[in-house]
């Protein structure tokens, strides 16, 4: 049975653009077949605790003898890693917070990026190699080439490095720009471009969901 792992991290539970777009992806993906299932993990409503020890950055066999991990933390890490490994497709809502990702999403990354388990270290271990992951990056401004804030997006590059380069996943990035245009009076003239960006993302995730489903 094909399975989608759907992660949300926005703290906005009413008007979040990233939540709307990931939900659209999930809906279209689920519509591809009755046997398509979805696991939804809301990292804001049910936040993960920060790692209790740096030993969890390593596979058990790579830890030093004096490094101990609480059993409940070990079990949680195994659950999170098993979730992403067992998924056929992953979709992640990653709104830009202070030019990076929400701390709740970063906590999830810290649990699943583990040398010797999900990342090669002392062997060719890379169980997520080639697994499709769709990242929906919503942001209040514009950060593309030619814009004044080009080069200050530290959200997408982080996810490209971790999910793509390190974990080896097949990464697709869908960007929604100017999400603050309808909220900030000084950006009112940008509302049409904001809507165009959302419309483009809406179509893009539907196409990806149909193709990956």
Protein backbone atom coordinates (compact mmCIF):
# COMPACT_ATOMS: atom_id res chain seq x y z
CA UNK A 1 0.00 0.00 0.00
CA UNK A 2 1.66 3.28 -1.09
CA UNK A 3 2.18 5.64 1.82
CA UNK A 4 2.70 9.40 2.06
CA UNK A 5 4.40 11.02 5.04
CA UNK A 6 2.94 14.52 5.38
CA UNK A 7 4.81 16.94 7.69
CA UNK A 8 3.60 20.41 8.66
CA UNK A 9 5.55 22.90 10.75
CA UNK A 10 3.73 26.23 10.46
CA UNK A 11 2.65 27.83 13.73
CA UNK A 12 -0.26 29.49 11.91
CA UNK A 13 -3.23 27.17 12.34
CA UNK A 14 -5.73 29.47 10.62
CA UNK A 15 -4.22 31.05 7.52
CA UNK A 16 -1.03 29.13 6.81
CA UNK A 17 -0.11 29.02 3.12
CA UNK A 18 2.29 26.11 3.55
CA UNK A 19 -0.40 24.07 5.33
CA UNK A 20 -2.91 24.76 2.55
CA UNK A 21 -0.47 23.74 -0.17
CA UNK A 22 0.76 20.56 1.56
CA UNK A 23 -2.88 19.60 2.22
CA UNK A 24 -3.62 20.05 -1.49
CA UNK A 25 -0.67 17.79 -2.34
CA UNK A 26 -1.88 15.19 0.16
CA UNK A 27 -5.44 15.30 -1.17
CA UNK A 28 -4.39 14.88 -4.80
CA UNK A 29 -1.94 12.11 -3.90
CA UNK A 30 -4.60 10.23 -1.93
CA UNK A 31 -7.04 10.56 -4.85
CA UNK A 32 -4.72 8.59 -7.13
CA UNK A 33 -5.89 5.28 -5.66
CA UNK A 34 -8.08 4.03 -2.77
CA UNK A 35 -5.11 2.15 -1.33
CA UNK A 36 -2.97 5.29 -0.95
CA UNK A 37 -2.56 6.07 2.76
CA UNK A 38 -1.30 9.20 4.51
CA UNK A 39 0.54 9.63 7.80
CA UNK A 40 0.24 13.24 8.94
CA UNK A 41 2.70 14.47 11.54
CA UNK A 42 2.04 18.01 12.73
CA UNK A 43 5.31 19.25 14.17
CA UNK A 44 3.70 22.37 15.62
CA UNK A 45 0.65 20.82 17.27
CA UNK A 46 2.75 17.90 18.53
CA UNK A 47 6.30 19.29 18.76
CA UNK A 48 9.23 16.98 19.20
CA UNK A 49 11.48 17.50 22.22
CA UNK A 50 14.97 18.72 21.47
CA UNK A 51 17.60 15.99 21.47
CA UNK A 52 18.45 15.23 25.10
CA UNK A 53 22.02 14.32 24.20
CA UNK A 54 24.42 14.80 21.31
CA UNK A 55 24.93 11.02 21.30
CA UNK A 56 21.75 10.80 19.23
CA UNK A 57 23.57 12.40 16.32
CA UNK A 58 25.26 9.01 15.88
CA UNK A 59 24.25 5.43 15.20
CA UNK A 60 24.42 3.31 18.38
CA UNK A 61 27.55 1.51 17.19
CA UNK A 62 29.31 4.85 16.66
CA UNK A 63 28.69 6.19 20.15
CA UNK A 64 31.43 6.26 22.74
CA UNK A 65 31.15 3.99 25.82
CA UNK A 66 30.27 6.94 28.06
CA UNK A 67 27.42 8.17 25.85
CA UNK A 68 23.99 7.10 27.06
CA UNK A 69 20.63 7.82 25.42
CA UNK A 70 17.35 7.77 27.39
CA UNK A 71 15.24 4.78 26.24
CA UNK A 72 12.22 6.97 25.44
CA UNK A 73 14.34 9.24 23.24
CA UNK A 74 15.85 6.22 21.48
CA UNK A 75 12.35 4.87 20.83
CA UNK A 76 11.11 8.20 19.47
CA UNK A 77 14.06 8.48 17.12
CA UNK A 78 13.45 4.97 15.82
CA UNK A 79 9.77 5.78 15.23
CA UNK A 80 10.59 8.93 13.25
CA UNK A 81 13.25 7.21 11.16
CA UNK A 82 10.97 4.24 10.49
CA UNK A 83 8.20 6.63 9.39
CA UNK A 84 10.30 8.33 6.76
CA UNK A 85 11.91 5.08 5.57
CA UNK A 86 8.55 3.32 5.18
CA UNK A 87 7.00 6.23 3.27
CA UNK A 88 6.96 6.09 -0.52
CA UNK A 89 6.70 9.88 -0.79
CA UNK A 90 7.28 12.70 1.70
CA UNK A 91 5.78 16.21 1.62
CA UNK A 92 7.06 18.88 4.00
CA UNK A 93 5.56 22.26 4.76
CA UNK A 94 8.52 24.53 5.48
CA UNK A 95 7.54 28.19 5.96
CA UNK A 96 10.43 30.61 6.25
CA UNK A 97 10.88 31.82 9.83
CA UNK A 98 13.60 34.44 10.32
CA UNK A 99 15.25 33.42 7.03
CA UNK A 100 15.40 29.74 8.02
CA UNK A 101 13.03 26.88 8.93
CA UNK A 102 10.81 26.60 12.03
CA UNK A 103 12.57 25.13 15.04
CA UNK A 104 10.00 22.32 15.08
CA UNK A 105 11.13 21.18 11.63
CA UNK A 106 14.79 21.51 12.62
CA UNK A 107 14.10 19.22 15.59
CA UNK A 108 12.68 16.58 13.22
CA UNK A 109 15.79 16.89 11.03
CA UNK A 110 18.02 16.36 14.07
CA UNK A 111 16.21 13.09 14.84
CA UNK A 112 16.32 11.62 11.33
CA UNK A 113 19.74 12.79 10.10
CA UNK A 114 21.93 10.17 11.75
CA UNK A 115 25.36 9.17 10.40
CA UNK A 116 25.57 5.40 10.27
CA UNK A 117 21.78 5.02 10.10
CA UNK A 118 20.34 7.35 7.45
CA UNK A 119 23.58 8.98 6.26
CA UNK A 120 26.73 7.16 5.10
CA UNK A 121 29.60 7.29 7.58
CA UNK A 122 31.44 4.01 8.10
CA UNK A 123 29.59 2.30 5.26
CA UNK A 124 27.26 2.96 2.32
CA UNK A 125 24.15 3.27 4.53
CA UNK A 126 21.58 5.50 2.82
CA UNK A 127 18.06 4.00 3.11
CA UNK A 128 16.38 7.18 1.82
CA UNK A 129 18.36 7.27 -1.42
CA UNK A 130 16.09 8.32 -4.28
CA UNK A 131 12.94 8.67 -2.14
CA UNK A 132 10.83 11.59 -3.44
CA UNK A 133 10.39 14.51 -1.05
CA UNK A 134 8.39 17.62 -1.90
CA UNK A 135 9.22 20.75 0.10
CA UNK A 136 6.71 23.60 0.13
CA UNK A 137 8.60 26.77 1.07
CA UNK A 138 6.33 29.72 1.79
CA UNK A 139 7.86 33.10 2.54
CA UNK A 140 6.65 36.63 3.05
CA UNK A 141 9.01 38.25 0.58
CA UNK A 142 10.82 37.29 -2.64
CA UNK A 143 14.27 35.72 -2.57
CA UNK A 144 14.92 34.61 -6.14
CA UNK A 145 17.77 35.73 -8.40
CA UNK A 146 17.55 39.43 -9.17
CA UNK A 147 15.55 40.34 -6.07
CA UNK A 148 17.00 42.63 -3.35
CA UNK A 149 16.97 39.78 -0.82
CA UNK A 150 18.59 37.19 -3.07
CA UNK A 151 21.05 35.10 -1.08
CA UNK A 152 19.31 35.54 2.28
CA UNK A 153 17.10 32.45 2.00
CA UNK A 154 18.62 30.01 4.49
CA UNK A 155 15.60 27.69 4.50
CA UNK A 156 15.67 26.04 1.08
CA UNK A 157 19.49 25.66 0.97
CA UNK A 158 19.41 23.96 4.37
CA UNK A 159 16.80 21.46 3.19
CA UNK A 160 18.63 20.89 -0.08
CA UNK A 161 21.78 20.05 1.87
CA UNK A 162 20.15 17.79 4.47
CA UNK A 163 17.45 16.06 2.42
CA UNK A 164 19.16 16.03 -0.94
CA UNK A 165 22.93 16.00 -0.50
CA UNK A 166 23.13 14.15 2.83
CA UNK A 167 20.11 11.82 2.88
CA UNK A 168 20.16 11.34 -0.90
CA UNK A 169 16.44 11.99 -1.36
CA UNK A 170 14.96 13.09 -4.69
CA UNK A 171 14.06 16.66 -3.76
CA UNK A 172 11.38 18.84 -5.36
CA UNK A 173 11.01 22.42 -4.09
CA UNK A 174 7.79 24.38 -4.56
CA UNK A 175 8.07 28.03 -3.54
CA UNK A 176 5.25 30.43 -2.61
CA UNK A 177 6.45 34.04 -2.45
CA UNK A 178 5.00 37.25 -1.02
CA UNK A 179 2.68 35.61 1.50
CA UNK A 180 2.75 38.81 3.59
CA UNK A 181 1.37 40.96 0.78
CA UNK A 182 -2.20 40.67 2.03
CA UNK A 183 -1.17 41.46 5.61
CA UNK A 184 1.35 44.30 5.30
CA UNK A 185 -0.15 47.55 3.91
CA UNK A 186 3.14 48.61 2.34
CA UNK A 187 3.05 45.44 0.20
CA UNK A 188 -0.49 45.92 -1.08
CA UNK A 189 0.63 46.49 -4.67
CA UNK A 190 2.24 43.04 -4.60
CA UNK A 191 -1.01 41.18 -3.90
CA UNK A 192 -1.54 40.13 -7.55
CA UNK A 193 1.97 38.67 -7.72
CA UNK A 194 1.38 36.92 -4.40
CA UNK A 195 -1.76 35.31 -5.78
CA UNK A 196 0.03 34.31 -8.97
CA UNK A 197 2.77 32.65 -6.91
CA UNK A 198 0.21 30.68 -4.91
CA UNK A 199 -1.67 29.66 -8.07
CA UNK A 200 1.57 28.42 -9.62
CA UNK A 201 2.43 26.43 -6.50
CA UNK A 202 -1.09 24.96 -6.37
CA UNK A 203 -0.73 23.59 -9.89
CA UNK A 204 2.84 22.43 -9.27
CA UNK A 205 2.02 20.33 -6.20
CA UNK A 206 -1.00 18.78 -7.90
CA UNK A 207 1.16 17.78 -10.86
CA UNK A 208 3.81 16.34 -8.54
CA UNK A 209 1.24 14.45 -6.47
CA UNK A 210 -0.27 12.89 -9.58
CA UNK A 211 3.15 12.00 -10.99
CA UNK A 212 4.56 10.58 -7.74
CA UNK A 213 1.33 8.79 -6.84
